[in-house]
Amino acid sequence: MNSNTISWKSIRSQVLADPKVKAEYDALETEFNLARQVISLRKASGLSQRDFADKIGIKQPQLARIESGKQMPKLETLTKLASGAGYAVEIHFVPIENKQAPKIEPVRIPAEPS
């Protein structure tokens, strides 16, 4: 890099130094993690956004919003996404802050019929 170039890493560090910005950024972590998971599902299917959306019965723009983290999908939509790639959805409840608590068995959501 030349001396006039600012790295993304330095900009990100400066912006996230503001506690309010950091709190908002952290609040979006779940949405972006879920978006990455949905992208992984689609890629596992080997299909484009349009083809995958058609396969599972949603419109391509909706899939794009989910993959960008702009839309949080309903459980029904998550089940369609998972089924379309040959996966099932399983919900796990975990104790907060390493608190000792009884184990709760995960819930598996039945796959949508293909």
N, C-alpha and C. Protein backbone atom coordinates (compact mmCIF):
# COMPACT_ATOMS: atom_id res chain seq x y z
N MET A 1 0.83 -1.19 0.00
CA MET A 1 0.00 0.00 0.00
C MET A 1 0.87 1.25 0.00
N ASN A 2 0.41 2.26 -0.72
CA ASN A 2 1.18 3.51 -0.66
C ASN A 2 0.71 4.34 0.52
N SER A 3 1.39 5.43 0.78
CA SER A 3 1.13 6.22 1.99
C SER A 3 -0.24 6.92 1.96
N ASN A 4 -0.86 7.03 0.79
CA ASN A 4 -2.17 7.68 0.69
C ASN A 4 -3.34 6.70 0.86
N THR A 5 -3.05 5.44 1.02
CA THR A 5 -4.09 4.43 1.13
C THR A 5 -4.40 4.15 2.59
N ILE A 6 -5.69 4.09 2.87
CA ILE A 6 -6.14 3.75 4.22
C ILE A 6 -6.72 2.35 4.16
N SER A 7 -6.30 1.51 5.07
CA SER A 7 -6.79 0.13 5.04
C SER A 7 -8.18 0.03 5.65
N TRP A 8 -8.94 -0.95 5.19
CA TRP A 8 -10.25 -1.22 5.75
C TRP A 8 -10.14 -1.54 7.23
N LYS A 9 -9.10 -2.27 7.59
CA LYS A 9 -8.90 -2.67 8.99
C LYS A 9 -8.79 -1.43 9.89
N SER A 10 -8.05 -0.42 9.45
CA SER A 10 -7.88 0.78 10.28
C SER A 10 -9.18 1.58 10.35
N ILE A 11 -9.91 1.66 9.25
CA ILE A 11 -11.19 2.38 9.26
C ILE A 11 -12.16 1.66 10.18
N ARG A 12 -12.24 0.34 10.06
CA ARG A 12 -13.14 -0.46 10.89
C ARG A 12 -12.81 -0.26 12.37
N SER A 13 -11.53 -0.29 12.71
CA SER A 13 -11.12 -0.11 14.10
C SER A 13 -11.54 1.26 14.63
N GLN A 14 -11.35 2.29 13.80
CA GLN A 14 -11.72 3.65 14.22
C GLN A 14 -13.22 3.77 14.43
N VAL A 15 -13.99 3.23 13.49
CA VAL A 15 -15.45 3.33 13.58
C VAL A 15 -15.97 2.55 14.78
N LEU A 16 -15.44 1.34 14.98
CA LEU A 16 -15.92 0.49 16.08
C LEU A 16 -15.41 0.95 17.45
N ALA A 17 -14.54 1.94 17.48
CA ALA A 17 -14.08 2.49 18.76
C ALA A 17 -15.19 3.27 19.45
N ASP A 18 -16.17 3.73 18.67
CA ASP A 18 -17.33 4.43 19.23
C ASP A 18 -18.25 3.38 19.84
N PRO A 19 -18.50 3.44 21.16
CA PRO A 19 -19.32 2.43 21.83
C PRO A 19 -20.72 2.26 21.25
N LYS A 20 -21.32 3.36 20.79
CA LYS A 20 -22.66 3.27 20.20
C LYS A 20 -22.62 2.49 18.88
N VAL A 21 -21.63 2.79 18.07
CA VAL A 21 -21.49 2.08 16.78
C VAL A 21 -21.19 0.61 17.04
N LYS A 22 -20.32 0.33 18.00
CA LYS A 22 -19.96 -1.06 18.33
C LYS A 22 -21.18 -1.83 18.81
N ALA A 23 -22.02 -1.21 19.61
CA ALA A 23 -23.22 -1.87 20.11
C ALA A 23 -24.18 -2.20 18.97
N GLU A 24 -24.35 -1.28 18.04
CA GLU A 24 -25.21 -1.53 16.88
C GLU A 24 -24.63 -2.63 15.99
N TYR A 25 -23.33 -2.58 15.79
CA TYR A 25 -22.63 -3.59 14.99
C TYR A 25 -22.82 -4.98 15.62
N ASP A 26 -22.62 -5.07 16.92
CA ASP A 26 -22.77 -6.35 17.62
C ASP A 26 -24.21 -6.85 17.57
N ALA A 27 -25.16 -5.92 17.60
CA ALA A 27 -26.58 -6.30 17.56
C ALA A 27 -26.95 -6.97 16.23
N LEU A 28 -26.20 -6.68 15.19
CA LEU A 28 -26.48 -7.25 13.86
C LEU A 28 -25.75 -8.57 13.62
N GLU A 29 -24.94 -9.00 14.56
CA GLU A 29 -24.14 -10.20 14.37
C GLU A 29 -24.99 -11.43 14.04
N THR A 30 -26.08 -11.61 14.73
CA THR A 30 -26.95 -12.77 14.49
C THR A 30 -27.47 -12.77 13.06
N GLU A 31 -27.95 -11.63 12.58
CA GLU A 31 -28.48 -11.54 11.22
C GLU A 31 -27.41 -11.90 10.20
N PHE A 32 -26.20 -11.37 10.39
CA PHE A 32 -25.14 -11.63 9.41
C PHE A 32 -24.64 -13.07 9.49
N ASN A 33 -24.61 -13.65 10.67
CA ASN A 33 -24.23 -15.06 10.79
C ASN A 33 -25.26 -15.94 10.09
N LEU A 34 -26.53 -15.63 10.28
CA LEU A 34 -27.58 -16.40 9.62
C LEU A 34 -27.49 -16.22 8.10
N ALA A 35 -27.23 -15.01 7.66
CA ALA A 35 -27.08 -14.76 6.22
C ALA A 35 -25.95 -15.63 5.65
N ARG A 36 -24.82 -15.71 6.36
CA ARG A 36 -23.71 -16.55 5.89
C ARG A 36 -24.11 -18.02 5.83
N GLN A 37 -24.91 -18.47 6.79
CA GLN A 37 -25.38 -19.86 6.79
C GLN A 37 -26.28 -20.13 5.58
N VAL A 38 -27.16 -19.18 5.28
CA VAL A 38 -28.06 -19.34 4.13
C VAL A 38 -27.26 -19.37 2.83
N ILE A 39 -26.26 -18.52 2.72
CA ILE A 39 -25.39 -18.54 1.53
C ILE A 39 -24.71 -19.89 1.42
N SER A 40 -24.24 -20.43 2.53
CA SER A 40 -23.59 -21.75 2.53
C SER A 40 -24.56 -22.84 2.08
N LEU A 41 -25.80 -22.77 2.55
CA LEU A 41 -26.82 -23.74 2.13
C LEU A 41 -27.01 -23.70 0.62
N ARG A 42 -27.19 -22.48 0.11
CA ARG A 42 -27.41 -22.34 -1.33
C ARG A 42 -26.22 -22.85 -2.12
N LYS A 43 -25.02 -22.49 -1.68
CA LYS A 43 -23.82 -22.95 -2.39
C LYS A 43 -23.70 -24.47 -2.33
N ALA A 44 -24.12 -25.07 -1.21
CA ALA A 44 -24.10 -26.53 -1.09
C ALA A 44 -25.03 -27.18 -2.11
N SER A 45 -26.08 -26.45 -2.48
CA SER A 45 -27.02 -26.97 -3.47
C SER A 45 -26.47 -26.86 -4.88
N GLY A 46 -25.45 -26.00 -5.05
CA GLY A 46 -24.85 -25.80 -6.38
C GLY A 46 -25.71 -24.96 -7.31
N LEU A 47 -26.68 -24.24 -6.75
CA LEU A 47 -27.61 -23.47 -7.58
C LEU A 47 -27.39 -21.97 -7.43
N SER A 48 -27.81 -21.23 -8.46
CA SER A 48 -27.80 -19.77 -8.40
C SER A 48 -28.91 -19.33 -7.45
N GLN A 49 -28.90 -18.05 -7.08
CA GLN A 49 -29.98 -17.53 -6.24
C GLN A 49 -31.33 -17.78 -6.89
N ARG A 50 -31.45 -17.47 -8.17
CA ARG A 50 -32.73 -17.61 -8.87
C ARG A 50 -33.19 -19.07 -8.88
N ASP A 51 -32.28 -19.98 -9.23
CA ASP A 51 -32.65 -21.39 -9.31
C ASP A 51 -32.99 -21.96 -7.93
N PHE A 52 -32.23 -21.55 -6.92
CA PHE A 52 -32.50 -22.04 -5.56
C PHE A 52 -33.83 -21.50 -5.06
N ALA A 53 -34.08 -20.22 -5.30
CA ALA A 53 -35.35 -19.61 -4.88
C ALA A 53 -36.52 -20.32 -5.56
N ASP A 54 -36.40 -20.59 -6.86
CA ASP A 54 -37.45 -21.31 -7.58
C ASP A 54 -37.67 -22.70 -6.98
N LYS A 55 -36.58 -23.37 -6.66
CA LYS A 55 -36.67 -24.72 -6.11
C LYS A 55 -37.43 -24.76 -4.79
N ILE A 56 -37.21 -23.76 -3.95
CA ILE A 56 -37.84 -23.79 -2.62
C ILE A 56 -39.15 -23.00 -2.55
N GLY A 57 -39.50 -22.33 -3.65
CA GLY A 57 -40.79 -21.66 -3.69
C GLY A 57 -40.84 -20.25 -3.12
N ILE A 58 -39.71 -19.54 -3.22
CA ILE A 58 -39.72 -18.12 -2.85
C ILE A 58 -39.19 -17.33 -4.04
N LYS A 59 -39.32 -16.03 -4.00
CA LYS A 59 -38.81 -15.19 -5.10
C LYS A 59 -37.33 -14.87 -4.86
N GLN A 60 -36.59 -14.72 -5.95
CA GLN A 60 -35.15 -14.44 -5.88
C GLN A 60 -34.84 -13.18 -5.07
N PRO A 61 -35.60 -12.08 -5.22
CA PRO A 61 -35.29 -10.90 -4.40
C PRO A 61 -35.40 -11.16 -2.89
N GLN A 62 -36.34 -12.02 -2.49
CA GLN A 62 -36.45 -12.36 -1.07
C GLN A 62 -35.20 -13.11 -0.62
N LEU A 63 -34.75 -14.07 -1.43
CA LEU A 63 -33.53 -14.80 -1.09
C LEU A 63 -32.34 -13.84 -1.01
N ALA A 64 -32.26 -12.89 -1.93
CA ALA A 64 -31.18 -11.90 -1.90
C ALA A 64 -31.22 -11.09 -0.61
N ARG A 65 -32.41 -10.69 -0.16
CA ARG A 65 -32.52 -9.92 1.09
C ARG A 65 -32.08 -10.76 2.29
N ILE A 66 -32.44 -12.04 2.28
CA ILE A 66 -32.04 -12.93 3.37
C ILE A 66 -30.52 -13.09 3.37
N GLU A 67 -29.95 -13.32 2.18
CA GLU A 67 -28.50 -13.52 2.08
C GLU A 67 -27.70 -12.26 2.40
N SER A 68 -28.31 -11.10 2.26
CA SER A 68 -27.61 -9.85 2.58
C SER A 68 -27.77 -9.46 4.04
N GLY A 69 -28.62 -10.19 4.78
CA GLY A 69 -28.86 -9.86 6.18
C GLY A 69 -29.90 -8.78 6.37
N LYS A 70 -30.56 -8.36 5.29
CA LYS A 70 -31.58 -7.31 5.39
C LYS A 70 -32.93 -7.85 5.82
N GLN A 71 -33.13 -9.15 5.70
CA GLN A 71 -34.40 -9.76 6.09
C GLN A 71 -34.13 -10.98 6.95
N MET A 72 -34.77 -11.04 8.10
CA MET A 72 -34.65 -12.20 8.97
C MET A 72 -35.76 -13.18 8.58
N PRO A 73 -35.40 -14.37 8.10
CA PRO A 73 -36.43 -15.30 7.64
C PRO A 73 -37.23 -15.90 8.78
N LYS A 74 -38.48 -16.23 8.50
CA LYS A 74 -39.31 -16.96 9.45
C LYS A 74 -38.82 -18.39 9.51
N LEU A 75 -39.22 -19.09 10.56
CA LEU A 75 -38.83 -20.49 10.73
C LEU A 75 -39.28 -21.33 9.53
N GLU A 76 -40.46 -21.07 9.02
CA GLU A 76 -40.97 -21.80 7.85
C GLU A 76 -40.03 -21.61 6.64
N THR A 77 -39.56 -20.38 6.44
CA THR A 77 -38.65 -20.11 5.32
C THR A 77 -37.30 -20.78 5.55
N LEU A 78 -36.81 -20.75 6.79
CA LEU A 78 -35.55 -21.44 7.10
C LEU A 78 -35.67 -22.93 6.80
N THR A 79 -36.81 -23.50 7.11
CA THR A 79 -37.02 -24.92 6.84
C THR A 79 -37.00 -25.19 5.34
N LYS A 80 -37.62 -24.32 4.55
CA LYS A 80 -37.59 -24.47 3.09
C LYS A 80 -36.15 -24.37 2.57
N LEU A 81 -35.42 -23.37 3.08
CA LEU A 81 -34.03 -23.18 2.66
C LEU A 81 -33.20 -24.42 2.96
N ALA A 82 -33.32 -24.92 4.17
CA ALA A 82 -32.56 -26.10 4.57
C ALA A 82 -32.94 -27.31 3.74
N SER A 83 -34.23 -27.56 3.60
CA SER A 83 -34.70 -28.71 2.83
C SER A 83 -34.23 -28.65 1.38
N GLY A 84 -34.25 -27.46 0.81
CA GLY A 84 -33.83 -27.29 -0.58
C GLY A 84 -32.38 -27.67 -0.82
N ALA A 85 -31.57 -27.62 0.23
CA ALA A 85 -30.15 -27.98 0.11
C ALA A 85 -29.87 -29.35 0.73
N GLY A 86 -30.94 -30.05 1.15
CA GLY A 86 -30.76 -31.38 1.72
C GLY A 86 -30.41 -31.39 3.21
N TYR A 87 -30.83 -30.37 3.92
CA TYR A 87 -30.56 -30.25 5.35
C TYR A 87 -31.87 -30.12 6.11
N ALA A 88 -31.79 -30.27 7.42
CA ALA A 88 -32.92 -30.02 8.31
C ALA A 88 -32.52 -28.88 9.25
N VAL A 89 -33.51 -28.26 9.86
CA VAL A 89 -33.26 -27.22 10.86
C VAL A 89 -33.37 -27.87 12.23
N GLU A 90 -32.41 -27.54 13.07
CA GLU A 90 -32.43 -28.04 14.44
C GLU A 90 -32.19 -26.86 15.37
N ILE A 91 -33.05 -26.73 16.37
CA ILE A 91 -32.95 -25.62 17.31
C ILE A 91 -32.36 -26.14 18.62
N HIS A 92 -31.32 -25.46 19.09
CA HIS A 92 -30.67 -25.81 20.36
C HIS A 92 -30.83 -24.64 21.32
N PHE A 93 -31.18 -24.96 22.54
CA PHE A 93 -31.20 -23.95 23.59
C PHE A 93 -29.97 -24.17 24.46
N VAL A 94 -29.21 -23.11 24.66
CA VAL A 94 -27.97 -23.22 25.44
C VAL A 94 -28.01 -22.24 26.60
N PRO A 95 -27.42 -22.62 27.72
CA PRO A 95 -27.41 -21.71 28.88
C PRO A 95 -26.64 -20.42 28.56
N ILE A 96 -27.09 -19.36 29.15
CA ILE A 96 -26.43 -18.06 28.96
C ILE A 96 -25.26 -17.95 29.93
N GLU A 97 -24.13 -17.43 29.43
CA GLU A 97 -22.96 -17.15 30.25
C GLU A 97 -22.47 -18.37 31.04
N ASN A 98 -22.41 -19.51 30.41
CA ASN A 98 -21.90 -20.74 31.02
C ASN A 98 -22.61 -21.11 32.32
N LYS A 99 -23.82 -20.65 32.47
CA LYS A 99 -24.61 -20.96 33.66
C LYS A 99 -24.92 -22.46 33.69
N GLN A 100 -24.82 -23.05 34.86
CA GLN A 100 -25.18 -24.45 35.02
C GLN A 100 -26.69 -24.58 34.89
N ALA A 101 -27.13 -25.40 33.96
CA ALA A 101 -28.55 -25.58 33.75
C ALA A 101 -28.79 -26.96 33.18
N PRO A 102 -29.98 -27.50 33.37
CA PRO A 102 -30.28 -28.81 32.80
C PRO A 102 -30.19 -28.75 31.27
N LYS A 103 -29.75 -29.83 30.70
CA LYS A 103 -29.66 -29.89 29.25
C LYS A 103 -31.07 -30.03 28.67
N ILE A 104 -31.33 -29.26 27.64
CA ILE A 104 -32.60 -29.33 26.94
C ILE A 104 -32.32 -29.92 25.56
N GLU A 105 -33.03 -30.96 25.24
CA GLU A 105 -32.81 -31.64 23.97
C GLU A 105 -33.16 -30.72 22.80
N PRO A 106 -32.40 -30.80 21.71
CA PRO A 106 -32.70 -29.97 20.54
C PRO A 106 -34.03 -30.38 19.89
N VAL A 107 -34.59 -29.44 19.18
CA VAL A 107 -35.82 -29.68 18.43
C VAL A 107 -35.47 -29.71 16.96
N ARG A 108 -35.82 -30.79 16.29
CA ARG A 108 -35.58 -30.90 14.85
C ARG A 108 -36.88 -30.58 14.13
N ILE A 109 -36.82 -29.64 13.19
CA ILE A 109 -37.99 -29.25 12.41
C ILE A 109 -38.05 -30.18 11.19
N PRO A 110 -39.18 -30.84 11.00
CA PRO A 110 -39.28 -31.75 9.84
C PRO A 110 -39.01 -31.03 8.53
N ALA A 111 -38.34 -31.70 7.62
CA ALA A 111 -38.01 -31.13 6.32
C ALA A 111 -39.28 -30.94 5.50
N GLU A 112 -39.28 -29.90 4.69
CA GLU A 112 -40.37 -29.66 3.76
C GLU A 112 -40.33 -30.75 2.70
N PRO A 113 -41.48 -31.25 2.26
CA PRO A 113 -41.47 -32.25 1.18
C PRO A 113 -40.92 -31.64 -0.10
N SER A 114 -40.14 -32.39 -0.83
CA SER A 114 -39.53 -31.88 -2.08
C SER A 114 -40.50 -31.95 -3.24
